[in-house]
PDB file of N, CA and C in Angstrom:
ATOM      1  N   UNK A   1     107.257 199.711 112.746  1.00  0.00           N
ATOM      2  CA  UNK A   1     105.854 199.402 112.759  1.00  0.00           C
ATOM      3  C   UNK A   1     105.279 200.274 113.866  1.00  0.00           C
ATOM      4  N   UNK A   2     104.292 200.832 113.404  1.00  0.00           N
ATOM      5  CA  UNK A   2     103.305 201.671 114.003  1.00  0.00           C
ATOM      6  C   UNK A   2     102.651 200.751 115.082  1.00  0.00           C
ATOM      7  N   UNK A   3     102.329 201.265 116.334  1.00  0.00           N
ATOM      8  CA  UNK A   3     101.722 200.430 117.236  1.00  0.00           C
ATOM      9  C   UNK A   3     100.829 201.258 118.256  1.00  0.00           C
ATOM     10  N   UNK A   4      99.761 200.863 118.555  1.00  0.00           N
ATOM     11  CA  UNK A   4      98.566 201.150 119.469  1.00  0.00           C
ATOM     12  C   UNK A   4      98.180 201.852 119.144  1.00  0.00           C
ATOM     13  N   UNK A   5      97.940 202.918 120.086  1.00  0.00           N
ATOM     14  CA  UNK A   5      97.086 204.372 120.396  1.00  0.00           C
ATOM     15  C   UNK A   5      97.208 205.383 119.173  1.00  0.00           C
ATOM     16  N   UNK A   6      98.762 205.279 118.517  1.00  0.00           N
ATOM     17  CA  UNK A   6      99.226 206.454 117.626  1.00  0.00           C
ATOM     18  C   UNK A   6      98.071 205.904 116.111  1.00  0.00           C
ATOM     19  N   UNK A   7      97.889 204.982 116.099  1.00  0.00           N
ATOM     20  CA  UNK A   7      97.498 204.616 114.572  1.00  0.00           C
ATOM     21  C   UNK A   7      95.616 204.912 114.763  1.00  0.00           C
ATOM     22  N   UNK A   8      95.492 204.504 115.997  1.00  0.00           N
ATOM     23  CA  UNK A   8      94.161 205.000 116.467  1.00  0.00           C
ATOM     24  C   UNK A   8      93.598 206.448 116.153  1.00  0.00           C
ATOM     25  N   UNK A   9      94.535 207.237 116.683  1.00  0.00           N
ATOM     26  CA  UNK A   9      94.486 208.505 116.575  1.00  0.00           C
ATOM     27  C   UNK A   9      94.532 209.020 115.128  1.00  0.00           C
ATOM     28  N   UNK A  10      95.502 208.106 114.348  1.00  0.00           N
ATOM     29  CA  UNK A  10      95.094 208.772 112.980  1.00  0.00           C
ATOM     30  C   UNK A  10      93.995 208.171 112.416  1.00  0.00           C
ATOM     31  N   UNK A  11      93.334 207.075 112.592  1.00  0.00           N
ATOM     32  CA  UNK A  11      92.298 206.664 111.712  1.00  0.00           C
ATOM     33  C   UNK A  11      91.129 207.842 112.359  1.00  0.00           C
ATOM     34  N   UNK A  12      91.023 207.816 113.654  1.00  0.00           N
ATOM     35  CA  UNK A  12      90.117 209.289 114.183  1.00  0.00           C
ATOM     36  C   UNK A  12      90.517 210.210 113.546  1.00  0.00           C
ATOM     37  N   UNK A  13      91.492 210.746 113.295  1.00  0.00           N
ATOM     38  CA  UNK A  13      92.039 212.463 112.955  1.00  0.00           C
ATOM     39  C   UNK A  13      91.235 212.260 111.320  1.00  0.00           C
ATOM     40  N   UNK A  14      91.411 211.269 110.901  1.00  0.00           N
ATOM     41  CA  UNK A  14      91.000 210.989 109.316  1.00  0.00           C
ATOM     42  C   UNK A  14      89.714 211.107 109.329  1.00  0.00           C
ATOM     43  N   UNK A  15      89.219 210.379 110.015  1.00  0.00           N
ATOM     44  CA  UNK A  15      87.505 210.539 110.266  1.00  0.00           C
ATOM     45  C   UNK A  15      87.007 211.798 110.359  1.00  0.00           C
ATOM     46  N   UNK A  16      87.680 212.308 111.307  1.00  0.00           N
ATOM     47  CA  UNK A  16      86.837 213.929 111.906  1.00  0.00           C
ATOM     48  C   UNK A  16      86.723 214.687 110.808  1.00  0.00           C
ATOM     49  N   UNK A  17      88.374 214.606 110.051  1.00  0.00           N
ATOM     50  CA  UNK A  17      88.794 215.515 109.062  1.00  0.00           C
ATOM     51  C   UNK A  17      87.645 215.316 107.654  1.00  0.00           C
ATOM     52  N   UNK A  18      87.566 214.080 107.816  1.00  0.00           N
ATOM     53  CA  UNK A  18      86.507 213.648 106.252  1.00  0.00           C
ATOM     54  C   UNK A  18      85.049 213.963 106.546  1.00  0.00           C
ATOM     55  N   UNK A  19      84.983 213.938 108.149  1.00  0.00           N
ATOM     56  CA  UNK A  19      83.292 214.456 108.204  1.00  0.00           C
ATOM     57  C   UNK A  19      83.025 215.901 108.389  1.00  0.00           C
ATOM     58  N   UNK A  20      84.104 216.486 108.743  1.00  0.00           N
ATOM     59  CA  UNK A  20      84.171 218.134 108.801  1.00  0.00           C
ATOM     60  C   UNK A  20      84.062 218.385 106.864  1.00  0.00           C
ATOM     61  N   UNK A  21      85.030 217.876 106.644  1.00  0.00           N
ATOM     62  CA  UNK A  21      84.871 218.425 105.110  1.00  0.00           C
ATOM     63  C   UNK A  21      83.601 217.765 104.456  1.00  0.00           C
ATOM     64  N   UNK A  22      83.234 217.130 104.542  1.00  0.00           N
ATOM     65  CA  UNK A  22      81.964 216.433 104.025  1.00  0.00           C
ATOM     66  C   UNK A  22      80.596 217.348 103.970  1.00  0.00           C
ATOM     67  N   UNK A  23      80.592 217.636 105.444  1.00  0.00           N
ATOM     68  CA  UNK A  23      79.494 218.598 105.803  1.00  0.00           C
ATOM     69  C   UNK A  23      79.601 220.162 105.030  1.00  0.00           C
ATOM     70  N   UNK A  24      80.888 220.611 105.051  1.00  0.00           N
ATOM     71  CA  UNK A  24      81.088 222.083 104.288  1.00  0.00           C
ATOM     72  C   UNK A  24      80.816 221.547 102.861  1.00  0.00           C
ATOM     73  N   UNK A  25      81.220 220.756 102.606  1.00  0.00           N
ATOM     74  CA  UNK A  25      80.976 220.539 100.674  1.00  0.00           C
ATOM     75  C   UNK A  25      79.016 220.325 100.809  1.00  0.00           C
ATOM     76  N   UNK A  26      78.603 219.526 101.695  1.00  0.00           N
ATOM     77  CA  UNK A  26      77.149 219.448 101.952  1.00  0.00           C
ATOM     78  C   UNK A  26      76.685 220.616 101.728  1.00  0.00           C
ATOM     79  N   UNK A  27      76.661 221.366 102.817  1.00  0.00           N
ATOM     80  CA  UNK A  27      76.103 222.787 102.768  1.00  0.00           C
ATOM     81  C   UNK A  27      76.184 223.727 101.486  1.00  0.00           C
ATOM     82  N   UNK A  28      77.451 223.864 100.985  1.00  0.00           N
ATOM     83  CA  UNK A  28      77.856 224.313  99.789  1.00  0.00           C
ATOM     84  C   UNK A  28      76.959 223.445  98.691  1.00  0.00           C
ATOM     85  N   UNK A  29      76.460 222.489  98.874  1.00  0.00           N
ATOM     86  CA  UNK A  29      75.224 221.789  97.745  1.00  0.00           C
ATOM     87  C   UNK A  29      76.478 221.275  96.672  1.00  0.00           C
ATOM     88  N   UNK A  30      77.719 220.603  97.056  1.00  0.00           N
ATOM     89  CA  UNK A  30      78.477 219.605  96.365  1.00  0.00           C
ATOM     90  C   UNK A  30      78.263 218.636  96.853  1.00  0.00           C
ATOM     91  N   UNK A  31      77.166 217.710  96.831  1.00  0.00           N
ATOM     92  CA  UNK A  31      77.153 216.184  97.280  1.00  0.00           C
ATOM     93  C   UNK A  31      78.235 215.745  96.458  1.00  0.00           C
ATOM     94  N   UNK A  32      78.186 215.634  95.116  1.00  0.00           N
ATOM     95  CA  UNK A  32      78.928 214.442  94.530  1.00  0.00           C
ATOM     96  C   UNK A  32      80.437 214.887  95.279  1.00  0.00           C
ATOM     97  N   UNK A  33      80.829 215.739  95.400  1.00  0.00           N
ATOM     98  CA  UNK A  33      82.057 215.864  95.658  1.00  0.00           C
ATOM     99  C   UNK A  33      82.390 215.703  97.134  1.00  0.00           C
ATOM    100  N   UNK A  34      81.036 215.685  97.991  1.00  0.00           N
ATOM    101  CA  UNK A  34      81.017 215.004  99.171  1.00  0.00           C
ATOM    102  C   UNK A  34      81.315 213.690  99.684  1.00  0.00           C
ATOM    103  N   UNK A  35      80.747 212.779  98.640  1.00  0.00           N
ATOM    104  CA  UNK A  35      80.792 211.480  98.481  1.00  0.00           C
ATOM    105  C   UNK A  35      82.393 211.038  98.306  1.00  0.00           C
ATOM    106  N   UNK A  36      82.789 211.641  97.214  1.00  0.00           N
ATOM    107  CA  UNK A  36      84.293 211.277  96.911  1.00  0.00           C
ATOM    108  C   UNK A  36      85.135 211.606  97.864  1.00  0.00           C
ATOM    109  N   UNK A  37      84.816 212.484  98.716  1.00  0.00           N
ATOM    110  CA  UNK A  37      85.897 212.966  99.776  1.00  0.00           C
ATOM    111  C   UNK A  37      85.812 211.723 101.279  1.00  0.00           C
ATOM    112  N   UNK A  38      84.387 211.286 100.924  1.00  0.00           N
ATOM    113  CA  UNK A  38      83.928 210.414 102.031  1.00  0.00           C
ATOM    114  C   UNK A  38      84.667 209.120 101.473  1.00  0.00           C
ATOM    115  N   UNK A  39      84.487 208.887 100.529  1.00  0.00           N
ATOM    116  CA  UNK A  39      84.875 207.187 100.005  1.00  0.00           C
ATOM    117  C   UNK A  39      86.741 207.748  99.404  1.00  0.00           C
ATOM    118  N   UNK A  40      87.277 208.598  99.326  1.00  0.00           N
ATOM    119  CA  UNK A  40      88.837 208.924  99.559  1.00  0.00           C
ATOM    120  C   UNK A  40      89.158 208.587 101.396  1.00  0.00           C
ATOM    121  N   UNK A  41      88.729 209.117 101.871  1.00  0.00           N
ATOM    122  CA  UNK A  41      88.864 208.752 103.409  1.00  0.00           C
ATOM    123  C   UNK A  41      88.710 207.313 103.864  1.00  0.00           C
ATOM    124  N   UNK A  42      87.835 207.080 103.197  1.00  0.00           N
ATOM    125  CA  UNK A  42      87.498 205.477 103.372  1.00  0.00           C
ATOM    126  C   UNK A  42      88.667 204.354 103.053  1.00  0.00           C
ATOM    127  N   UNK A  43      89.218 205.023 101.887  1.00  0.00           N
ATOM    128  CA  UNK A  43      90.213 204.114 101.145  1.00  0.00           C
ATOM    129  C   UNK A  43      91.518 204.449 102.041  1.00  0.00           C
ATOM    130  N   UNK A  44      91.616 205.598 102.372  1.00  0.00           N
ATOM    131  CA  UNK A  44      92.892 205.915 103.153  1.00  0.00           C
ATOM    132  C   UNK A  44      92.910 204.823 104.337  1.00  0.00           C
ATOM    133  N   UNK A  45      91.689 204.893 104.853  1.00  0.00           N
ATOM    134  CA  UNK A  45      91.588 204.000 106.596  1.00  0.00           C
ATOM    135  C   UNK A  45      92.040 202.502 105.816  1.00  0.00           C
ATOM    136  N   UNK A  46      91.122 201.781 105.061  1.00  0.00           N
ATOM    137  CA  UNK A  46      91.308 200.752 104.804  1.00  0.00           C
ATOM    138  C   UNK A  46      92.736 200.193 104.311  1.00  0.00           C
ATOM    139  N   UNK A  47      93.291 201.154 103.652  1.00  0.00           N
ATOM    140  CA  UNK A  47      95.103 200.834 103.300  1.00  0.00           C
ATOM    141  C   UNK A  47      95.731 200.782 104.333  1.00  0.00           C
ATOM    142  N   UNK A  48      95.335 201.671 105.381  1.00  0.00           N
ATOM    143  CA  UNK A  48      96.313 201.712 106.669  1.00  0.00           C
ATOM    144  C   UNK A  48      95.756 200.403 107.684  1.00  0.00           C
ATOM    145  N   UNK A  49      94.531 199.835 107.459  1.00  0.00           N
ATOM    146  CA  UNK A  49      94.230 198.355 108.152  1.00  0.00           C
ATOM    147  C   UNK A  49      94.770 197.288 107.235  1.00  0.00           C
ATOM    148  N   UNK A  50      94.714 196.950 105.997  1.00  0.00           N
ATOM    149  CA  UNK A  50      95.616 196.433 105.086  1.00  0.00           C
ATOM    150  C   UNK A  50      96.946 195.988 105.379  1.00  0.00           C
ATOM    151  N   UNK A  51      97.728 196.870 105.697  1.00  0.00           N
ATOM    152  CA  UNK A  51      98.874 197.196 105.692  1.00  0.00           C
ATOM    153  C   UNK A  51      99.420 196.957 107.292  1.00  0.00           C
ATOM    154  N   UNK A  52      98.623 197.069 108.243  1.00  0.00           N
ATOM    155  CA  UNK A  52      98.703 196.591 109.466  1.00  0.00           C
ATOM    156  C   UNK A  52      98.526 194.905 109.318  1.00  0.00           C
ATOM    157  N   UNK A  53      97.719 194.658 108.733  1.00  0.00           N
ATOM    158  CA  UNK A  53      97.440 193.135 108.758  1.00  0.00           C
ATOM    159  C   UNK A  53      98.372 192.426 107.898  1.00  0.00           C
ATOM    160  N   UNK A  54      99.087 192.944 107.176  1.00  0.00           N
ATOM    161  CA  UNK A  54     100.209 192.329 106.358  1.00  0.00           C
ATOM    162  C   UNK A  54     101.316 192.274 107.373  1.00  0.00           C
ATOM    163  N   UNK A  55     101.570 193.153 108.235  1.00  0.00           N
ATOM    164  CA  UNK A  55     102.631 193.041 109.292  1.00  0.00           C
ATOM    165  C   UNK A  55     102.197 192.304 110.308  1.00  0.00           C
ATOM    166  N   UNK A  56     100.845 192.184 110.409  1.00  0.00           N
ATOM    167  CA  UNK A  56     100.623 191.098 111.549  1.00  0.00           C
ATOM    168  C   UNK A  56     101.114 189.436 110.942  1.00  0.00           C
ATOM    169  N   UNK A  57     100.569 189.285 109.796  1.00  0.00           N
ATOM    170  CA  UNK A  57     100.996 188.224 109.116  1.00  0.00           C
ATOM    171  C   UNK A  57     102.240 187.853 108.560  1.00  0.00           C
ATOM    172  N   UNK A  58     103.100 188.833 108.519  1.00  0.00           N
ATOM    173  CA  UNK A  58     104.570 188.862 108.576  1.00  0.00           C
ATOM    174  C   UNK A  58     104.983 188.504 110.052  1.00  0.00           C
ATOM    175  N   UNK A  59     104.488 188.933 110.874  1.00  0.00           N
ATOM    176  CA  UNK A  59     104.741 188.663 112.278  1.00  0.00           C
ATOM    177  C   UNK A  59     104.873 187.220 112.645  1.00  0.00           C
ATOM    178  N   UNK A  60     103.338 186.479 112.222  1.00  0.00           N
ATOM    179  CA  UNK A  60     103.267 184.962 112.461  1.00  0.00           C
ATOM    180  C   UNK A  60     104.119 184.671 111.733  1.00  0.00           C
ATOM    181  N   UNK A  61     104.134 184.860 110.727  1.00  0.00           N
ATOM    182  CA  UNK A  61     105.197 183.918 109.843  1.00  0.00           C
ATOM    183  C   UNK A  61     106.670 183.693 110.664  1.00  0.00           C
ATOM    184  N   UNK A  62     106.947 184.945 110.764  1.00  0.00           N
ATOM    185  CA  UNK A  62     108.230 184.665 111.330  1.00  0.00           C
ATOM    186  C   UNK A  62     108.262 184.203 112.704  1.00  0.00           C
ATOM    187  N   UNK A  63     107.625 183.807 113.387  1.00  0.00           N
ATOM    188  CA  UNK A  63     107.223 183.338 114.647  1.00  0.00           C
ATOM    189  C   UNK A  63     107.158 181.607 114.602  1.00  0.00           C
ATOM    190  N   UNK A  64     106.486 181.475 113.402  1.00  0.00           N
ATOM    191  CA  UNK A  64     106.471 180.349 113.105  1.00  0.00           C
ATOM    192  C   UNK A  64     107.718 179.816 112.773  1.00  0.00           C
ATOM    193  N   UNK A  65     108.492 180.606 112.098  1.00  0.00           N
ATOM    194  CA  UNK A  65     109.990 180.145 110.908  1.00  0.00           C
ATOM    195  C   UNK A  65     110.855 179.923 112.367  1.00  0.00           C
ATOM    196  N   UNK A  66     110.854 180.733 113.322  1.00  0.00           N
ATOM    197  CA  UNK A  66     111.522 180.640 114.423  1.00  0.00           C
ATOM    198  C   UNK A  66     111.344 179.354 115.728  1.00  0.00           C
ATOM    199  N   UNK A  67     110.115 179.245 115.277  1.00  0.00           N
ATOM    200  CA  UNK A  67     109.500 177.613 116.345  1.00  0.00           C
ATOM    201  C   UNK A  67     110.291 176.688 115.512  1.00  0.00           C
ATOM    202  N   UNK A  68     109.992 176.551 114.003  1.00  0.00           N
ATOM    203  CA  UNK A  68     110.381 175.496 113.211  1.00  0.00           C
ATOM    204  C   UNK A  68     112.229 175.393 113.465  1.00  0.00           C
ATOM    205  N   UNK A  69     112.517 176.644 113.690  1.00  0.00           N
ATOM    206  CA  UNK A  69     114.029 176.063 113.518  1.00  0.00           C
ATOM    207  C   UNK A  69     114.450 175.995 115.101  1.00  0.00           C
ATOM    208  N   UNK A  70     113.893 176.682 115.933  1.00  0.00           N
ATOM    209  CA  UNK A  70     114.033 175.884 117.393  1.00  0.00           C
ATOM    210  C   UNK A  70     114.116 174.181 117.463  1.00  0.00           C
ATOM    211  N   UNK A  71     112.976 173.972 116.821  1.00  0.00           N
ATOM    212  CA  UNK A  71     112.546 172.547 116.959  1.00  0.00           C
ATOM    213  C   UNK A  71     113.255 172.013 116.316  1.00  0.00           C
ATOM    214  N   UNK A  72     114.426 172.144 115.026  1.00  0.00           N
ATOM    215  CA  UNK A  72     115.202 171.538 114.566  1.00  0.00           C
ATOM    216  C   UNK A  72     116.531 171.460 115.318  1.00  0.00           C
ATOM    217  N   UNK A  73     116.438 172.390 116.040  1.00  0.00           N
ATOM    218  CA  UNK A  73     118.181 172.493 116.521  1.00  0.00           C
ATOM    219  C   UNK A  73     118.262 171.772 118.118  1.00  0.00           C
ATOM    220  N   UNK A  74     116.526 171.546 118.702  1.00  0.00           N
ATOM    221  CA  UNK A  74     116.577 170.841 119.788  1.00  0.00           C
ATOM    222  C   UNK A  74     116.746 169.452 119.677  1.00  0.00           C
ATOM    223  N   UNK A  75     116.246 169.146 118.462  1.00  0.00           N
ATOM    224  CA  UNK A  75     116.159 167.667 117.616  1.00  0.00           C
ATOM    225  C   UNK A  75     117.781 166.827 117.779  1.00  0.00           C
TER     226      UNK A  75
END
């Protein structure tokens, strides 16, 4: 599981790279491709965030399963 600052730096790097490539393509009058690059960057970041949310839900699920097991063994 990736934690903390590393994921923020990855998202920032993708954003910076996407912005630079988009500006270069716009200067070359390739607006359609620039839009596609921007959308690709957004999709990549959204997939990363969805993966992190999935890991969060798994952790919460495991926490409640642990609580249930502890509750049963103490009774």
